[in-house]
Structure formats: structure tokens, C-alpha cells
Amino acid sequence: MGYRLLIVDTSGTEAFDDTRRFYAKNSYATEAKIRGFWADGDDKIIFAKRLR
């Protein structure tokens, strides 16, 4: 049986600390960090979660 993969991305700034904590608490894994994606000093953080 296959699975589904949920992908979410968010900002790496302090304003999104609660958002990143939410995803981490809900079993999302940090898959990638793209430095300066949104702006200088604002990284793109990509989370993923597999669903069965």
C-alpha cells in the first residue's frame, strides 16, 4: 500500500517560530532549508509528513 506525502513550507524568521514548532510537534520532518529564499536573512523551511 502506498502513502501520501504532505509538503509545507514556511519562513525561517522568528515571527514563524510558533508555526515551525507546530509542524515539528505534529510529526513533520524538516526536509530542507533554502537560505535567503524569501529575502536576505529569511530562509524557506520545508517540512514533510508521510500519511498512510
N, C-alpha and C. Protein backbone atom coordinates (compact mmCIF):
# COMPACT_ATOMS: atom_id res chain seq x y z
N MET A 1 0.84 -1.18 0.00
CA MET A 1 0.00 0.00 0.00
C MET A 1 0.88 1.24 0.00
N GLY A 2 0.49 2.24 -0.73
CA GLY A 2 1.27 3.46 -0.83
C GLY A 2 0.98 4.43 0.29
N TYR A 3 1.53 5.58 0.17
CA TYR A 3 1.32 6.64 1.15
C TYR A 3 1.24 7.97 0.43
N ARG A 4 0.81 8.96 1.16
CA ARG A 4 0.78 10.33 0.66
C ARG A 4 1.83 11.13 1.39
N LEU A 5 2.37 12.09 0.71
CA LEU A 5 3.39 12.94 1.29
C LEU A 5 2.89 14.37 1.32
N LEU A 6 2.75 14.92 2.53
CA LEU A 6 2.35 16.31 2.68
C LEU A 6 3.61 17.17 2.74
N ILE A 7 3.62 18.24 1.98
CA ILE A 7 4.75 19.16 1.96
C ILE A 7 4.24 20.55 2.35
N VAL A 8 4.92 21.18 3.29
CA VAL A 8 4.60 22.56 3.67
C VAL A 8 5.88 23.36 3.73
N ASP A 9 5.77 24.63 3.42
CA ASP A 9 6.94 25.48 3.58
C ASP A 9 6.55 26.73 4.36
N THR A 10 7.53 27.25 5.07
CA THR A 10 7.30 28.42 5.90
C THR A 10 8.59 29.22 5.98
N SER A 11 8.50 30.34 6.61
CA SER A 11 9.64 31.24 6.77
C SER A 11 10.51 30.81 7.94
N GLY A 12 11.78 31.14 7.86
CA GLY A 12 12.71 30.83 8.93
C GLY A 12 12.88 31.96 9.94
N THR A 13 12.07 33.01 9.84
CA THR A 13 12.21 34.14 10.76
C THR A 13 11.59 33.83 12.12
N GLU A 14 11.93 34.65 13.11
CA GLU A 14 11.39 34.49 14.46
C GLU A 14 9.88 34.59 14.47
N ALA A 15 9.31 35.39 13.59
CA ALA A 15 7.85 35.56 13.55
C ALA A 15 7.14 34.24 13.28
N PHE A 16 7.83 33.27 12.69
CA PHE A 16 7.24 31.98 12.37
C PHE A 16 7.73 30.85 13.28
N ASP A 17 8.33 31.19 14.41
CA ASP A 17 8.79 30.18 15.37
C ASP A 17 7.65 29.25 15.80
N ASP A 18 6.49 29.84 16.13
CA ASP A 18 5.34 29.02 16.57
C ASP A 18 4.87 28.09 15.46
N THR A 19 4.89 28.57 14.24
CA THR A 19 4.48 27.76 13.09
C THR A 19 5.39 26.55 12.94
N ARG A 20 6.70 26.79 13.01
CA ARG A 20 7.65 25.68 12.87
C ARG A 20 7.53 24.70 14.02
N ARG A 21 7.30 25.20 15.23
CA ARG A 21 7.10 24.31 16.39
C ARG A 21 5.85 23.46 16.19
N PHE A 22 4.78 24.05 15.65
CA PHE A 22 3.55 23.30 15.39
C PHE A 22 3.83 22.12 14.47
N TYR A 23 4.52 22.36 13.37
CA TYR A 23 4.79 21.27 12.43
C TYR A 23 5.69 20.21 13.07
N ALA A 24 6.71 20.63 13.80
CA ALA A 24 7.60 19.67 14.46
C ALA A 24 6.83 18.82 15.47
N LYS A 25 5.93 19.44 16.24
CA LYS A 25 5.13 18.73 17.23
C LYS A 25 4.17 17.73 16.59
N ASN A 26 3.81 17.98 15.35
CA ASN A 26 2.84 17.13 14.66
C ASN A 26 3.50 16.20 13.66
N SER A 27 4.71 15.81 13.99
CA SER A 27 5.44 14.76 13.25
C SER A 27 5.85 15.13 11.82
N TYR A 28 5.98 16.41 11.54
CA TYR A 28 6.53 16.82 10.25
C TYR A 28 8.06 16.87 10.41
N ALA A 29 8.76 16.38 9.42
CA ALA A 29 10.23 16.40 9.44
C ALA A 29 10.72 17.58 8.62
N THR A 30 11.78 18.21 9.09
CA THR A 30 12.40 19.28 8.31
C THR A 30 13.18 18.62 7.17
N GLU A 31 12.78 18.89 5.95
CA GLU A 31 13.40 18.26 4.78
C GLU A 31 14.45 19.15 4.13
N ALA A 32 14.26 20.47 4.21
CA ALA A 32 15.22 21.36 3.53
C ALA A 32 15.15 22.76 4.12
N LYS A 33 16.23 23.47 3.94
CA LYS A 33 16.32 24.87 4.31
C LYS A 33 17.01 25.58 3.14
N ILE A 34 16.32 26.54 2.56
CA ILE A 34 16.89 27.30 1.45
C ILE A 34 17.18 28.70 1.97
N ARG A 35 18.43 28.98 2.15
CA ARG A 35 18.85 30.25 2.75
C ARG A 35 18.51 31.43 1.84
N GLY A 36 17.96 32.47 2.46
CA GLY A 36 17.67 33.70 1.75
C GLY A 36 16.62 33.60 0.66
N PHE A 37 15.75 32.60 0.75
CA PHE A 37 14.75 32.39 -0.30
C PHE A 37 13.76 33.56 -0.39
N TRP A 38 13.16 33.91 0.74
CA TRP A 38 12.14 34.96 0.75
C TRP A 38 12.78 36.34 0.69
N ALA A 39 13.92 36.51 1.38
CA ALA A 39 14.66 37.77 1.41
C ALA A 39 15.97 37.49 2.13
N ASP A 40 16.88 38.43 2.13
CA ASP A 40 18.12 38.25 2.88
C ASP A 40 17.79 38.00 4.34
N GLY A 41 18.28 36.89 4.88
CA GLY A 41 18.02 36.55 6.27
C GLY A 41 16.69 35.86 6.51
N ASP A 42 15.93 35.62 5.47
CA ASP A 42 14.62 34.95 5.60
C ASP A 42 14.63 33.67 4.77
N ASP A 43 14.93 32.58 5.45
CA ASP A 43 15.06 31.28 4.79
C ASP A 43 13.70 30.64 4.55
N LYS A 44 13.65 29.76 3.58
CA LYS A 44 12.47 28.92 3.35
C LYS A 44 12.74 27.58 4.02
N ILE A 45 11.85 27.17 4.92
CA ILE A 45 11.96 25.90 5.61
C ILE A 45 10.88 24.98 5.05
N ILE A 46 11.28 23.81 4.61
CA ILE A 46 10.35 22.86 4.01
C ILE A 46 10.19 21.65 4.94
N PHE A 47 8.93 21.38 5.28
CA PHE A 47 8.58 20.25 6.13
C PHE A 47 7.84 19.20 5.30
N ALA A 48 7.93 17.94 5.73
CA ALA A 48 7.21 16.86 5.06
C ALA A 48 6.69 15.89 6.11
N LYS A 49 5.55 15.27 5.77
CA LYS A 49 4.95 14.25 6.64
C LYS A 49 4.32 13.19 5.74
N ARG A 50 4.63 11.94 6.03
CA ARG A 50 4.05 10.82 5.27
C ARG A 50 2.78 10.34 5.96
N LEU A 51 1.74 10.17 5.16
CA LEU A 51 0.47 9.64 5.64
C LEU A 51 0.23 8.29 5.01
N ARG A 52 -0.24 7.37 5.76
CA ARG A 52 -0.53 6.02 5.23
C ARG A 52 -1.97 5.93 4.79
